[in-house]
Amino acid sequence: LKDLLLAAPAGSRATMGLDPGIRTGVKVAVVDGTGKLLATTTVYPFPPRNDVRGTQAELAKLIRLHKVELISIGNGTGSRETERLVADMLSDMPAESGPKPLKVIVSEAGASVYSASATAAAEFPGLDVSLRGAVSIARRLQDPLAELVKIEPKSIGVGQYQHDVDQYRLGRSLEAVVEDAVNAVGVDLNTASAPLLARVSGLGTSLAEAI
């Protein structure tokens, strides 16, 4: 868990998050350098629709429009196919259109849990649950720690035998790891979310919300 939380952040760069899916389509979200949501869509490059051309055109349009520098691809079902699709699209982009975005595969563990959580509902009340996961995938490349604190540590899927141990003690230990990580790294008050601030020593949930 600690290694996941303390993974190197990609930084404040416009990022496209792709939550791969075969039949249900690939969910797309674009966020700016601060993690603010700019655009969402769903594309269907795989069977039964097979709209590869339309998908590549849509992604290229979003990249140009929002000056996307990074493409974060979730490692779930359809990840390899989605990565291949993105690679083909990037190779087809004309050189004069500027530097091409960098694509990175990220762990999407816990993204679906976050999507259906009260935190996500409060942050994106009007956004479809399935698209919230793509936002999380984009943000966890920008700053893994800031995004993963919104998910209950047990849901991040670390460790094989977590259901065989005392759940209360496990919960306390995992929470301590998260708090240690946040306090070791520090937070930026201008961009920190309430769940991130709540992990800072001396701040609770209500004080974090007020800030």
C-alpha atoms as a PDB file:
ATOM      1  CA  LEU A   1       0.000   0.000   0.000  1.00  0.00           C
ATOM      2  CA  LYS A   2       2.784   2.406   0.931  1.00  0.00           C
ATOM      3  CA  ASP A   3       4.552   1.820  -2.395  1.00  0.00           C
ATOM      4  CA  LEU A   4       1.331   2.575  -4.282  1.00  0.00           C
ATOM      5  CA  LEU A   5       0.660   5.754  -2.307  1.00  0.00           C
ATOM      6  CA  LEU A   6       4.213   7.036  -2.667  1.00  0.00           C
ATOM      7  CA  ALA A   7       4.507   6.303  -6.409  1.00  0.00           C
ATOM      8  CA  ALA A   8       6.064   9.227  -8.271  1.00  0.00           C
ATOM      9  CA  PRO A   9       3.462  11.754  -9.472  1.00  0.00           C
ATOM     10  CA  ALA A  10       3.457  12.774 -13.139  1.00  0.00           C
ATOM     11  CA  GLY A  11       2.728  16.333 -12.055  1.00  0.00           C
ATOM     12  CA  SER A  12       0.429  19.149 -13.131  1.00  0.00           C
ATOM     13  CA  ARG A  13      -0.113  18.224 -16.767  1.00  0.00           C
ATOM     14  CA  ALA A  14      -3.329  17.925 -18.760  1.00  0.00           C
ATOM     15  CA  THR A  15      -4.202  14.222 -18.703  1.00  0.00           C
ATOM     16  CA  MET A  16      -6.648  11.945 -20.519  1.00  0.00           C
ATOM     17  CA  GLY A  17      -7.923   8.980 -18.499  1.00  0.00           C
ATOM     18  CA  LEU A  18      -9.152   5.862 -20.318  1.00  0.00           C
ATOM     19  CA  ASP A  19     -11.182   3.237 -18.459  1.00  0.00           C
ATOM     20  CA  PRO A  20     -11.088   0.280 -20.887  1.00  0.00           C
ATOM     21  CA  GLY A  21     -14.143  -1.812 -21.633  1.00  0.00           C
ATOM     22  CA  ILE A  22     -14.944  -4.172 -24.513  1.00  0.00           C
ATOM     23  CA  ARG A  23     -18.731  -4.354 -24.927  1.00  0.00           C
ATOM     24  CA  THR A  24     -19.537  -1.384 -22.679  1.00  0.00           C
ATOM     25  CA  GLY A  25     -17.107   0.941 -24.455  1.00  0.00           C
ATOM     26  CA  VAL A  26     -14.026   2.835 -23.321  1.00  0.00           C
ATOM     27  CA  LYS A  27     -14.825   5.645 -20.877  1.00  0.00           C
ATOM     28  CA  VAL A  28     -12.819   8.818 -21.516  1.00  0.00           C
ATOM     29  CA  ALA A  29     -12.171  11.779 -19.188  1.00  0.00           C
ATOM     30  CA  VAL A  30      -9.857  14.760 -19.682  1.00  0.00           C
ATOM     31  CA  VAL A  31      -8.614  16.750 -16.669  1.00  0.00           C
ATOM     32  CA  ASP A  32      -6.442  19.861 -16.562  1.00  0.00           C
ATOM     33  CA  GLY A  33      -3.170  20.220 -14.658  1.00  0.00           C
ATOM     34  CA  THR A  34      -4.990  20.692 -11.337  1.00  0.00           C
ATOM     35  CA  GLY A  35      -7.250  17.661 -11.858  1.00  0.00           C
ATOM     36  CA  LYS A  36     -10.314  19.727 -12.804  1.00  0.00           C
ATOM     37  CA  LEU A  37     -12.633  17.818 -15.149  1.00  0.00           C
ATOM     38  CA  LEU A  38     -12.752  19.317 -18.662  1.00  0.00           C
ATOM     39  CA  ALA A  39     -14.520  16.729 -20.842  1.00  0.00           C
ATOM     40  CA  THR A  40     -15.954  13.198 -20.842  1.00  0.00           C
ATOM     41  CA  THR A  41     -17.176  10.809 -23.508  1.00  0.00           C
ATOM     42  CA  THR A  42     -17.576   7.102 -24.239  1.00  0.00           C
ATOM     43  CA  VAL A  43     -16.137   5.498 -27.377  1.00  0.00           C
ATOM     44  CA  TYR A  44     -16.771   2.048 -28.863  1.00  0.00           C
ATOM     45  CA  PRO A  45     -13.718   0.775 -30.784  1.00  0.00           C
ATOM     46  CA  PHE A  46     -14.295  -2.922 -30.012  1.00  0.00           C
ATOM     47  CA  PRO A  47     -16.985  -5.486 -30.956  1.00  0.00           C
ATOM     48  CA  PRO A  48     -19.890  -5.293 -31.472  1.00  0.00           C
ATOM     49  CA  ARG A  49     -19.567  -1.686 -32.790  1.00  0.00           C
ATOM     50  CA  ASN A  50     -15.932  -1.733 -33.964  1.00  0.00           C
ATOM     51  CA  ASP A  51     -15.849   2.047 -34.451  1.00  0.00           C
ATOM     52  CA  VAL A  52     -12.040   2.303 -34.543  1.00  0.00           C
ATOM     53  CA  ARG A  53     -11.874   5.266 -36.932  1.00  0.00           C
ATOM     54  CA  GLY A  54     -14.486   7.250 -35.004  1.00  0.00           C
ATOM     55  CA  THR A  55     -12.739   6.507 -31.695  1.00  0.00           C
ATOM     56  CA  GLN A  56      -9.326   7.616 -32.928  1.00  0.00           C
ATOM     57  CA  ALA A  57     -10.795  10.806 -34.406  1.00  0.00           C
ATOM     58  CA  GLU A  58     -12.615  11.616 -31.142  1.00  0.00           C
ATOM     59  CA  LEU A  59      -9.527  11.028 -28.984  1.00  0.00           C
ATOM     60  CA  ALA A  60      -7.310  13.068 -31.334  1.00  0.00           C
ATOM     61  CA  LYS A  61      -9.830  15.928 -31.213  1.00  0.00           C
ATOM     62  CA  LEU A  62      -9.840  15.958 -27.396  1.00  0.00           C
ATOM     63  CA  ILE A  63      -6.025  15.846 -27.316  1.00  0.00           C
ATOM     64  CA  ARG A  64      -5.780  18.885 -29.619  1.00  0.00           C
ATOM     65  CA  LEU A  65      -8.575  20.810 -27.914  1.00  0.00           C
ATOM     66  CA  HIS A  66      -7.279  20.406 -24.363  1.00  0.00           C
ATOM     67  CA  LYS A  67      -3.531  20.160 -25.145  1.00  0.00           C
ATOM     68  CA  VAL A  68      -3.310  16.742 -23.478  1.00  0.00           C
ATOM     69  CA  GLU A  69       0.233  15.754 -22.453  1.00  0.00           C
ATOM     70  CA  LEU A  70      -0.417  12.385 -20.775  1.00  0.00           C
ATOM     71  CA  ILE A  71      -2.748   9.467 -21.504  1.00  0.00           C
ATOM     72  CA  SER A  72      -3.493   7.277 -18.485  1.00  0.00           C
ATOM     73  CA  ILE A  73      -4.871   3.825 -19.380  1.00  0.00           C
ATOM     74  CA  GLY A  74      -6.458   1.612 -16.719  1.00  0.00           C
ATOM     75  CA  ASN A  75      -5.045  -1.920 -16.489  1.00  0.00           C
ATOM     76  CA  GLY A  76      -8.401  -3.728 -16.407  1.00  0.00           C
ATOM     77  CA  THR A  77     -10.207  -5.783 -19.066  1.00  0.00           C
ATOM     78  CA  GLY A  78      -9.416  -4.491 -22.554  1.00  0.00           C
ATOM     79  CA  SER A  79      -6.305  -2.622 -21.425  1.00  0.00           C
ATOM     80  CA  ARG A  80      -3.957  -4.126 -24.029  1.00  0.00           C
ATOM     81  CA  GLU A  81      -6.406  -3.548 -26.863  1.00  0.00           C
ATOM     82  CA  THR A  82      -6.937   0.042 -25.726  1.00  0.00           C
ATOM     83  CA  GLU A  83      -3.188   0.659 -25.491  1.00  0.00           C
ATOM     84  CA  ARG A  84      -2.724  -0.673 -29.040  1.00  0.00           C
ATOM     85  CA  LEU A  85      -5.519   1.590 -30.281  1.00  0.00           C
ATOM     86  CA  VAL A  86      -3.914   4.639 -28.627  1.00  0.00           C
ATOM     87  CA  ALA A  87      -0.474   3.719 -30.005  1.00  0.00           C
ATOM     88  CA  ASP A  88      -1.893   3.513 -33.546  1.00  0.00           C
ATOM     89  CA  MET A  89      -3.656   6.862 -33.114  1.00  0.00           C
ATOM     90  CA  LEU A  90      -0.489   8.562 -31.832  1.00  0.00           C
ATOM     91  CA  SER A  91       1.592   7.192 -34.715  1.00  0.00           C
ATOM     92  CA  ASP A  92      -0.987   8.558 -37.177  1.00  0.00           C
ATOM     93  CA  MET A  93      -0.892  12.058 -35.665  1.00  0.00           C
ATOM     94  CA  PRO A  94       1.012  14.510 -37.906  1.00  0.00           C
ATOM     95  CA  ALA A  95       4.385  15.663 -36.561  1.00  0.00           C
ATOM     96  CA  GLU A  96       3.467  19.319 -37.091  1.00  0.00           C
ATOM     97  CA  SER A  97       0.630  18.994 -34.558  1.00  0.00           C
ATOM     98  CA  GLY A  98       3.238  19.329 -31.793  1.00  0.00           C
ATOM     99  CA  PRO A  99       4.657  16.888 -29.229  1.00  0.00           C
ATOM    100  CA  LYS A 100       2.638  13.696 -28.868  1.00  0.00           C
ATOM    101  CA  PRO A 101       1.192  12.735 -25.468  1.00  0.00           C
ATOM    102  CA  LEU A 102       2.907  10.039 -23.424  1.00  0.00           C
ATOM    103  CA  LYS A 103       0.785   6.938 -22.669  1.00  0.00           C
ATOM    104  CA  VAL A 104       1.073   5.151 -19.318  1.00  0.00           C
ATOM    105  CA  ILE A 105      -0.687   2.054 -17.940  1.00  0.00           C
ATOM    106  CA  VAL A 106      -1.898   2.609 -14.356  1.00  0.00           C
ATOM    107  CA  SER A 107      -3.531   0.356 -11.765  1.00  0.00           C
ATOM    108  CA  GLU A 108      -7.272   0.893 -11.739  1.00  0.00           C
ATOM    109  CA  ALA A 109      -7.729  -0.982  -8.445  1.00  0.00           C
ATOM    110  CA  GLY A 110     -10.464   0.700  -6.429  1.00  0.00           C
ATOM    111  CA  ALA A 111     -11.597   2.973  -9.276  1.00  0.00           C
ATOM    112  CA  SER A 112     -15.024   1.298  -9.466  1.00  0.00           C
ATOM    113  CA  VAL A 113     -15.370   1.535  -5.666  1.00  0.00           C
ATOM    114  CA  TYR A 114     -14.544   5.255  -5.825  1.00  0.00           C
ATOM    115  CA  SER A 115     -17.034   5.753  -8.695  1.00  0.00           C
ATOM    116  CA  ALA A 116     -19.942   4.580  -6.562  1.00  0.00           C
ATOM    117  CA  SER A 117     -18.774   6.285  -3.353  1.00  0.00           C
ATOM    118  CA  ALA A 118     -20.317   9.269  -1.580  1.00  0.00           C
ATOM    119  CA  THR A 119     -17.069  11.196  -2.166  1.00  0.00           C
ATOM    120  CA  ALA A 120     -17.376  10.801  -5.949  1.00  0.00           C
ATOM    121  CA  ALA A 121     -21.096  11.640  -5.862  1.00  0.00           C
ATOM    122  CA  ALA A 122     -20.365  14.859  -3.942  1.00  0.00           C
ATOM    123  CA  GLU A 123     -17.551  15.784  -6.337  1.00  0.00           C
ATOM    124  CA  PHE A 124     -19.396  14.917  -9.579  1.00  0.00           C
ATOM    125  CA  PRO A 125     -23.133  14.915  -8.814  1.00  0.00           C
ATOM    126  CA  GLY A 126     -24.189  15.197 -12.464  1.00  0.00           C
ATOM    127  CA  LEU A 127     -21.671  12.737 -13.897  1.00  0.00           C
ATOM    128  CA  ASP A 128     -22.522   9.143 -14.804  1.00  0.00           C
ATOM    129  CA  VAL A 129     -21.009   6.622 -12.363  1.00  0.00           C
ATOM    130  CA  SER A 130     -19.157   4.795 -15.152  1.00  0.00           C
ATOM    131  CA  LEU A 131     -17.347   7.991 -16.225  1.00  0.00           C
ATOM    132  CA  ARG A 132     -16.153   8.835 -12.701  1.00  0.00           C
ATOM    133  CA  GLY A 133     -13.737   5.896 -12.884  1.00  0.00           C
ATOM    134  CA  ALA A 134     -12.027   7.448 -15.932  1.00  0.00           C
ATOM    135  CA  VAL A 135     -11.542  10.688 -13.970  1.00  0.00           C
ATOM    136  CA  SER A 136      -9.929   8.722 -11.131  1.00  0.00           C
ATOM    137  CA  ILE A 137      -7.620   6.899 -13.584  1.00  0.00           C
ATOM    138  CA  ALA A 138      -6.474  10.235 -15.059  1.00  0.00           C
ATOM    139  CA  ARG A 139      -5.872  11.818 -11.661  1.00  0.00           C
ATOM    140  CA  ARG A 140      -4.017   8.859 -10.160  1.00  0.00           C
ATOM    141  CA  LEU A 141      -1.317   9.296 -12.813  1.00  0.00           C
ATOM    142  CA  GLN A 142      -1.022  13.019 -11.982  1.00  0.00           C
ATOM    143  CA  ASP A 143      -0.844  12.451  -8.220  1.00  0.00           C
ATOM    144  CA  PRO A 144      -1.390   8.883  -6.935  1.00  0.00           C
ATOM    145  CA  LEU A 145      -1.458   9.882  -3.257  1.00  0.00           C
ATOM    146  CA  ALA A 146      -4.060  12.639  -3.644  1.00  0.00           C
ATOM    147  CA  GLU A 147      -6.396  10.310  -5.553  1.00  0.00           C
ATOM    148  CA  LEU A 148      -5.939   7.057  -3.629  1.00  0.00           C
ATOM    149  CA  VAL A 149      -6.749   8.656  -0.247  1.00  0.00           C
ATOM    150  CA  LYS A 150     -10.364   8.935  -1.485  1.00  0.00           C
ATOM    151  CA  ILE A 151     -10.649   5.143  -1.573  1.00  0.00           C
ATOM    152  CA  GLU A 152     -10.918   2.893   1.480  1.00  0.00           C
ATOM    153  CA  PRO A 153      -7.466   1.235   1.734  1.00  0.00           C
ATOM    154  CA  LYS A 154      -8.945  -2.288   1.747  1.00  0.00           C
ATOM    155  CA  SER A 155     -10.503  -1.616  -1.672  1.00  0.00           C
ATOM    156  CA  ILE A 156      -7.169  -0.856  -3.329  1.00  0.00           C
ATOM    157  CA  GLY A 157      -6.616  -4.613  -3.483  1.00  0.00           C
ATOM    158  CA  VAL A 158      -3.221  -4.905  -1.822  1.00  0.00           C
ATOM    159  CA  GLY A 159      -2.429  -8.238  -0.142  1.00  0.00           C
ATOM    160  CA  GLN A 160      -3.892 -11.691  -0.727  1.00  0.00           C
ATOM    161  CA  TYR A 161      -5.081 -12.579   2.762  1.00  0.00           C
ATOM    162  CA  GLN A 162      -6.704  -9.403   3.984  1.00  0.00           C
ATOM    163  CA  HIS A 163     -10.021 -11.170   4.680  1.00  0.00           C
ATOM    164  CA  ASP A 164      -8.349 -13.741   6.936  1.00  0.00           C
ATOM    165  CA  VAL A 165      -7.045 -11.289   9.532  1.00  0.00           C
ATOM    166  CA  ASP A 166      -8.711  -9.168  12.215  1.00  0.00           C
ATOM    167  CA  GLN A 167     -10.570  -6.557  10.151  1.00  0.00           C
ATOM    168  CA  TYR A 168     -10.485  -3.856  12.829  1.00  0.00           C
ATOM    169  CA  ARG A 169      -6.723  -4.118  13.324  1.00  0.00           C
ATOM    170  CA  LEU A 170      -6.143  -4.320   9.573  1.00  0.00           C
ATOM    171  CA  GLY A 171      -8.248  -1.185   9.061  1.00  0.00           C
ATOM    172  CA  ARG A 172      -6.325   0.706  11.747  1.00  0.00           C
ATOM    173  CA  SER A 173      -2.972  -0.347  10.261  1.00  0.00           C
ATOM    174  CA  LEU A 174      -3.934   0.625   6.720  1.00  0.00           C
ATOM    175  CA  GLU A 175      -5.292   3.995   7.871  1.00  0.00           C
ATOM    176  CA  ALA A 176      -2.000   4.624   9.691  1.00  0.00           C
ATOM    177  CA  VAL A 177      -0.031   3.879   6.510  1.00  0.00           C
ATOM    178  CA  VAL A 178      -2.171   6.361   4.551  1.00  0.00           C
ATOM    179  CA  GLU A 179      -1.753   9.068   7.208  1.00  0.00           C
ATOM    180  CA  ASP A 180       2.010   8.490   7.389  1.00  0.00           C
ATOM    181  CA  ALA A 181       2.270   8.836   3.616  1.00  0.00           C
ATOM    182  CA  VAL A 182       0.236  12.066   3.496  1.00  0.00           C
ATOM    183  CA  ASN A 183       2.184  13.651   6.354  1.00  0.00           C
ATOM    184  CA  ALA A 184       5.533  12.594   4.891  1.00  0.00           C
ATOM    185  CA  VAL A 185       4.740  14.152   1.503  1.00  0.00           C
ATOM    186  CA  GLY A 186       2.682  17.146   2.657  1.00  0.00           C
ATOM    187  CA  VAL A 187      -0.272  18.727   0.847  1.00  0.00           C
ATOM    188  CA  ASP A 188      -0.803  21.777  -1.367  1.00  0.00           C
ATOM    189  CA  LEU A 189      -3.643  23.763   0.204  1.00  0.00           C
ATOM    190  CA  ASN A 190      -4.571  25.266  -3.176  1.00  0.00           C
ATOM    191  CA  THR A 191      -5.307  21.923  -4.816  1.00  0.00           C
ATOM    192  CA  ALA A 192      -5.890  19.442  -1.947  1.00  0.00           C
ATOM    193  CA  SER A 193      -9.304  17.782  -1.668  1.00  0.00           C
ATOM    194  CA  ALA A 194     -11.134  17.440   1.654  1.00  0.00           C
ATOM    195  CA  PRO A 195     -10.348  13.672   1.916  1.00  0.00           C
ATOM    196  CA  LEU A 196      -6.628  14.468   1.491  1.00  0.00           C
ATOM    197  CA  LEU A 197      -6.665  17.320   4.032  1.00  0.00           C
ATOM    198  CA  ALA A 198      -8.489  15.103   6.537  1.00  0.00           C
ATOM    199  CA  ARG A 199      -5.405  12.838   6.672  1.00  0.00           C
ATOM    200  CA  VAL A 200      -3.133  15.685   7.829  1.00  0.00           C
ATOM    201  CA  SER A 201      -2.173  15.433  11.504  1.00  0.00           C
ATOM    202  CA  GLY A 202      -4.343  17.743  13.596  1.00  0.00           C
ATOM    203  CA  LEU A 203      -7.095  18.061  10.989  1.00  0.00           C
ATOM    204  CA  GLY A 204     -10.315  16.079  11.096  1.00  0.00           C
ATOM    205  CA  THR A 205     -13.063  15.665   8.505  1.00  0.00           C
ATOM    206  CA  SER A 206     -15.074  18.748   9.540  1.00  0.00           C
ATOM    207  CA  LEU A 207     -12.039  21.053   9.669  1.00  0.00           C
ATOM    208  CA  ALA A 208     -10.827  19.711   6.309  1.00  0.00           C
ATOM    209  CA  GLU A 209     -14.273  20.407   4.780  1.00  0.00           C
ATOM    210  CA  ALA A 210     -14.218  23.951   6.195  1.00  0.00           C
ATOM    211  CA  ILE A 211     -10.765  24.627   4.703  1.00  0.00           C
END
